[in-house]
Amino acid sequence: MSDYELSDAVGSLSDYSSATGTLWGIYAAATFAASGFGITMGDRFTFGIAAFLTAGFLAFAIGHFSFVWHHVKVQGIMSSEVLDYLEKDPCPTAFPLSVRAACRPDNKMAAVTITHIVIDLCVLLIIWSMAKYV
């Protein structure tokens, strides 16, 4: 079995970071689709449609949040391990600043949670305001 090297860890971290970005892109599309559907329905937007759209969007949002939460958690663990390794070995790479920068992702659990909740509430507000219940 081969050794798991620093470059492997940084590569895996990059993959997780990219996947997290993709997840947020999918989320943006879904939120615009749900909101846009409500807006384009106009007067035909009934309580029943709002209820089904809400149920579908919430199911998606909960599932999406669990994926993002997992990715951010894994990124945090990987980042921590790489940074610990860089502290122990004074010269493990010719690019220590680049590796350190890659290991400081902007995705923090609190920011991810707050962002998701605020966007979710905005979508639900649009849905229910178009159904004339807000």
C-alpha atoms as a PDB file:
ATOM      1  CA  MET A   1       0.000   0.000   0.000  1.00  0.00           C
ATOM      2  CA  SER A   2       1.411   3.383  -0.956  1.00  0.00           C
ATOM      3  CA  ASP A   3       1.788   6.291   1.455  1.00  0.00           C
ATOM      4  CA  TYR A   4      -0.741   9.075   1.538  1.00  0.00           C
ATOM      5  CA  GLU A   5       1.392  12.128   0.867  1.00  0.00           C
ATOM      6  CA  LEU A   6       0.872  15.840   1.453  1.00  0.00           C
ATOM      7  CA  SER A   7       0.055  16.344  -2.232  1.00  0.00           C
ATOM      8  CA  ASP A   8      -2.669  13.672  -1.960  1.00  0.00           C
ATOM      9  CA  ALA A   9      -4.215  15.425   1.029  1.00  0.00           C
ATOM     10  CA  VAL A  10      -4.140  18.816  -0.680  1.00  0.00           C
ATOM     11  CA  GLY A  11      -5.605  17.267  -3.844  1.00  0.00           C
ATOM     12  CA  SER A  12      -8.428  15.676  -1.839  1.00  0.00           C
ATOM     13  CA  LEU A  13      -9.072  18.982  -0.103  1.00  0.00           C
ATOM     14  CA  SER A  14      -9.275  20.661  -3.499  1.00  0.00           C
ATOM     15  CA  ASP A  15     -11.760  18.030  -4.698  1.00  0.00           C
ATOM     16  CA  TYR A  16     -13.976  18.589  -1.653  1.00  0.00           C
ATOM     17  CA  SER A  17     -13.765  22.343  -2.089  1.00  0.00           C
ATOM     18  CA  SER A  18     -14.782  22.046  -5.731  1.00  0.00           C
ATOM     19  CA  ALA A  19     -17.664  19.718  -4.865  1.00  0.00           C
ATOM     20  CA  THR A  20     -18.882  22.172  -2.221  1.00  0.00           C
ATOM     21  CA  GLY A  21     -18.884  24.942  -4.820  1.00  0.00           C
ATOM     22  CA  THR A  22     -20.886  22.717  -7.153  1.00  0.00           C
ATOM     23  CA  LEU A  23     -23.395  21.995  -4.386  1.00  0.00           C
ATOM     24  CA  TRP A  24     -23.894  25.726  -3.824  1.00  0.00           C
ATOM     25  CA  GLY A  25     -24.395  26.216  -7.570  1.00  0.00           C
ATOM     26  CA  ILE A  26     -27.104  23.559  -7.636  1.00  0.00           C
ATOM     27  CA  TYR A  27     -28.709  25.170  -4.610  1.00  0.00           C
ATOM     28  CA  ALA A  28     -28.743  28.576  -6.308  1.00  0.00           C
ATOM     29  CA  ALA A  29     -30.472  27.096  -9.353  1.00  0.00           C
ATOM     30  CA  ALA A  30     -33.075  25.330  -7.201  1.00  0.00           C
ATOM     31  CA  THR A  31     -33.860  28.437  -5.165  1.00  0.00           C
ATOM     32  CA  PHE A  32     -34.311  30.556  -8.288  1.00  0.00           C
ATOM     33  CA  ALA A  33     -36.456  27.834  -9.862  1.00  0.00           C
ATOM     34  CA  ALA A  34     -38.725  27.546  -6.819  1.00  0.00           C
ATOM     35  CA  SER A  35     -39.056  31.317  -6.454  1.00  0.00           C
ATOM     36  CA  GLY A  36     -39.456  31.869 -10.169  1.00  0.00           C
ATOM     37  CA  PHE A  37     -42.176  29.243 -10.394  1.00  0.00           C
ATOM     38  CA  GLY A  38     -44.146  31.072  -7.732  1.00  0.00           C
ATOM     39  CA  ILE A  39     -43.680  34.422  -9.410  1.00  0.00           C
ATOM     40  CA  THR A  40     -44.629  33.229 -12.914  1.00  0.00           C
ATOM     41  CA  MET A  41     -47.805  31.496 -11.722  1.00  0.00           C
ATOM     42  CA  GLY A  42     -49.353  34.835 -10.827  1.00  0.00           C
ATOM     43  CA  ASP A  43     -53.021  34.571  -9.846  1.00  0.00           C
ATOM     44  CA  ARG A  44     -53.097  30.828 -10.594  1.00  0.00           C
ATOM     45  CA  PHE A  45     -50.833  30.204  -7.609  1.00  0.00           C
ATOM     46  CA  THR A  46     -53.081  28.455  -5.085  1.00  0.00           C
ATOM     47  CA  PHE A  47     -52.659  27.225  -1.540  1.00  0.00           C
ATOM     48  CA  GLY A  48     -52.248  23.638  -2.831  1.00  0.00           C
ATOM     49  CA  ILE A  49     -49.484  24.595  -5.256  1.00  0.00           C
ATOM     50  CA  ALA A  50     -47.741  26.594  -2.523  1.00  0.00           C
ATOM     51  CA  ALA A  51     -47.974  23.633  -0.140  1.00  0.00           C
ATOM     52  CA  PHE A  52     -46.530  21.147  -2.652  1.00  0.00           C
ATOM     53  CA  LEU A  53     -43.807  23.570  -3.725  1.00  0.00           C
ATOM     54  CA  THR A  54     -42.941  24.203  -0.075  1.00  0.00           C
ATOM     55  CA  ALA A  55     -42.744  20.478   0.701  1.00  0.00           C
ATOM     56  CA  GLY A  56     -40.553  19.795  -2.322  1.00  0.00           C
ATOM     57  CA  PHE A  57     -38.284  22.757  -1.689  1.00  0.00           C
ATOM     58  CA  LEU A  58     -37.877  21.935   2.015  1.00  0.00           C
ATOM     59  CA  ALA A  59     -37.038  18.301   1.199  1.00  0.00           C
ATOM     60  CA  PHE A  60     -34.411  19.510  -1.252  1.00  0.00           C
ATOM     61  CA  ALA A  61     -33.073  22.169   1.138  1.00  0.00           C
ATOM     62  CA  ILE A  62     -32.704  19.712   4.030  1.00  0.00           C
ATOM     63  CA  GLY A  63     -30.942  17.159   1.849  1.00  0.00           C
ATOM     64  CA  HIS A  64     -28.718  19.813   0.319  1.00  0.00           C
ATOM     65  CA  PHE A  65     -27.812  21.244   3.705  1.00  0.00           C
ATOM     66  CA  SER A  66     -26.741  17.804   4.951  1.00  0.00           C
ATOM     67  CA  PHE A  67     -24.452  17.384   1.915  1.00  0.00           C
ATOM     68  CA  VAL A  68     -22.917  20.839   2.349  1.00  0.00           C
ATOM     69  CA  TRP A  69     -22.531  20.304   6.108  1.00  0.00           C
ATOM     70  CA  HIS A  70     -20.688  17.034   5.464  1.00  0.00           C
ATOM     71  CA  HIS A  71     -18.403  18.583   2.853  1.00  0.00           C
ATOM     72  CA  VAL A  72     -17.532  21.553   5.045  1.00  0.00           C
ATOM     73  CA  LYS A  73     -16.890  19.261   8.019  1.00  0.00           C
ATOM     74  CA  VAL A  74     -14.554  17.053   5.957  1.00  0.00           C
ATOM     75  CA  GLN A  75     -12.780  20.115   4.566  1.00  0.00           C
ATOM     76  CA  GLY A  76     -12.206  21.354   8.115  1.00  0.00           C
ATOM     77  CA  ILE A  77     -10.738  18.017   9.206  1.00  0.00           C
ATOM     78  CA  MET A  78      -8.490  17.769   6.139  1.00  0.00           C
ATOM     79  CA  SER A  79      -7.340  21.373   6.520  1.00  0.00           C
ATOM     80  CA  SER A  80      -6.524  20.846  10.159  1.00  0.00           C
ATOM     81  CA  GLU A  81      -4.502  17.714   9.449  1.00  0.00           C
ATOM     82  CA  VAL A  82      -2.526  19.360   6.641  1.00  0.00           C
ATOM     83  CA  LEU A  83      -1.781  22.434   8.762  1.00  0.00           C
ATOM     84  CA  ASP A  84      -0.676  20.211  11.666  1.00  0.00           C
ATOM     85  CA  TYR A  85       1.617  18.329   9.272  1.00  0.00           C
ATOM     86  CA  LEU A  86       3.140  21.591   8.025  1.00  0.00           C
ATOM     87  CA  GLU A  87       3.861  22.622  11.618  1.00  0.00           C
ATOM     88  CA  LYS A  88       5.639  19.321  12.386  1.00  0.00           C
ATOM     89  CA  ASP A  89       7.726  19.151   9.217  1.00  0.00           C
ATOM     90  CA  PRO A  90       9.471  22.466   8.515  1.00  0.00           C
ATOM     91  CA  CYS A  91      10.008  21.751   4.812  1.00  0.00           C
ATOM     92  CA  PRO A  92       7.406  19.294   3.483  1.00  0.00           C
ATOM     93  CA  THR A  93       6.735  21.327   0.343  1.00  0.00           C
ATOM     94  CA  ALA A  94       8.252  24.016  -1.813  1.00  0.00           C
ATOM     95  CA  PHE A  95       4.917  25.876  -1.636  1.00  0.00           C
ATOM     96  CA  PRO A  96       4.020  26.191   2.069  1.00  0.00           C
ATOM     97  CA  LEU A  97       2.126  29.489   1.686  1.00  0.00           C
ATOM     98  CA  SER A  98      -0.032  28.104  -1.120  1.00  0.00           C
ATOM     99  CA  VAL A  99      -0.843  24.975   0.861  1.00  0.00           C
ATOM    100  CA  ARG A 100      -1.664  27.022   3.974  1.00  0.00           C
ATOM    101  CA  ALA A 101      -3.918  29.318   1.915  1.00  0.00           C
ATOM    102  CA  ALA A 102      -5.762  26.312   0.451  1.00  0.00           C
ATOM    103  CA  CYS A 103      -6.254  24.975   3.966  1.00  0.00           C
ATOM    104  CA  ARG A 104      -8.087  28.025   5.187  1.00  0.00           C
ATOM    105  CA  PRO A 105     -11.439  27.665   3.449  1.00  0.00           C
ATOM    106  CA  ASP A 106     -14.019  30.382   3.878  1.00  0.00           C
ATOM    107  CA  ASN A 107     -16.689  27.768   4.562  1.00  0.00           C
ATOM    108  CA  LYS A 108     -17.354  27.977   8.277  1.00  0.00           C
ATOM    109  CA  MET A 109     -20.195  25.981   9.797  1.00  0.00           C
ATOM    110  CA  ALA A 110     -21.981  29.013  11.264  1.00  0.00           C
ATOM    111  CA  ALA A 111     -21.790  30.969   8.001  1.00  0.00           C
ATOM    112  CA  VAL A 112     -23.016  27.982   5.989  1.00  0.00           C
ATOM    113  CA  THR A 113     -25.926  27.414   8.365  1.00  0.00           C
ATOM    114  CA  ILE A 114     -26.997  31.059   8.527  1.00  0.00           C
ATOM    115  CA  THR A 115     -26.698  31.510   4.755  1.00  0.00           C
ATOM    116  CA  HIS A 116     -28.771  28.410   4.073  1.00  0.00           C
ATOM    117  CA  ILE A 117     -31.501  29.357   6.549  1.00  0.00           C
ATOM    118  CA  VAL A 118     -31.786  32.952   5.311  1.00  0.00           C
ATOM    119  CA  ILE A 119     -32.037  31.887   1.655  1.00  0.00           C
ATOM    120  CA  ASP A 120     -34.533  29.136   2.535  1.00  0.00           C
ATOM    121  CA  LEU A 121     -36.721  31.632   4.391  1.00  0.00           C
ATOM    122  CA  CYS A 122     -36.577  34.085   1.476  1.00  0.00           C
ATOM    123  CA  VAL A 123     -37.729  31.386  -0.951  1.00  0.00           C
ATOM    124  CA  LEU A 124     -40.570  30.366   1.369  1.00  0.00           C
ATOM    125  CA  LEU A 125     -41.570  34.003   1.793  1.00  0.00           C
ATOM    126  CA  ILE A 126     -41.758  34.422  -1.987  1.00  0.00           C
ATOM    127  CA  ILE A 127     -43.771  31.219  -2.385  1.00  0.00           C
ATOM    128  CA  TRP A 128     -46.315  32.119   0.276  1.00  0.00           C
ATOM    129  CA  SER A 129     -46.525  35.781  -0.691  1.00  0.00           C
ATOM    130  CA  MET A 130     -47.359  34.750  -4.264  1.00  0.00           C
ATOM    131  CA  ALA A 131     -50.087  32.501  -2.826  1.00  0.00           C
ATOM    132  CA  LYS A 132     -51.292  35.625  -0.964  1.00  0.00           C
ATOM    133  CA  TYR A 133     -50.825  34.087   2.489  1.00  0.00           C
ATOM    134  CA  VAL A 134     -48.069  36.439   3.669  1.00  0.00           C
END
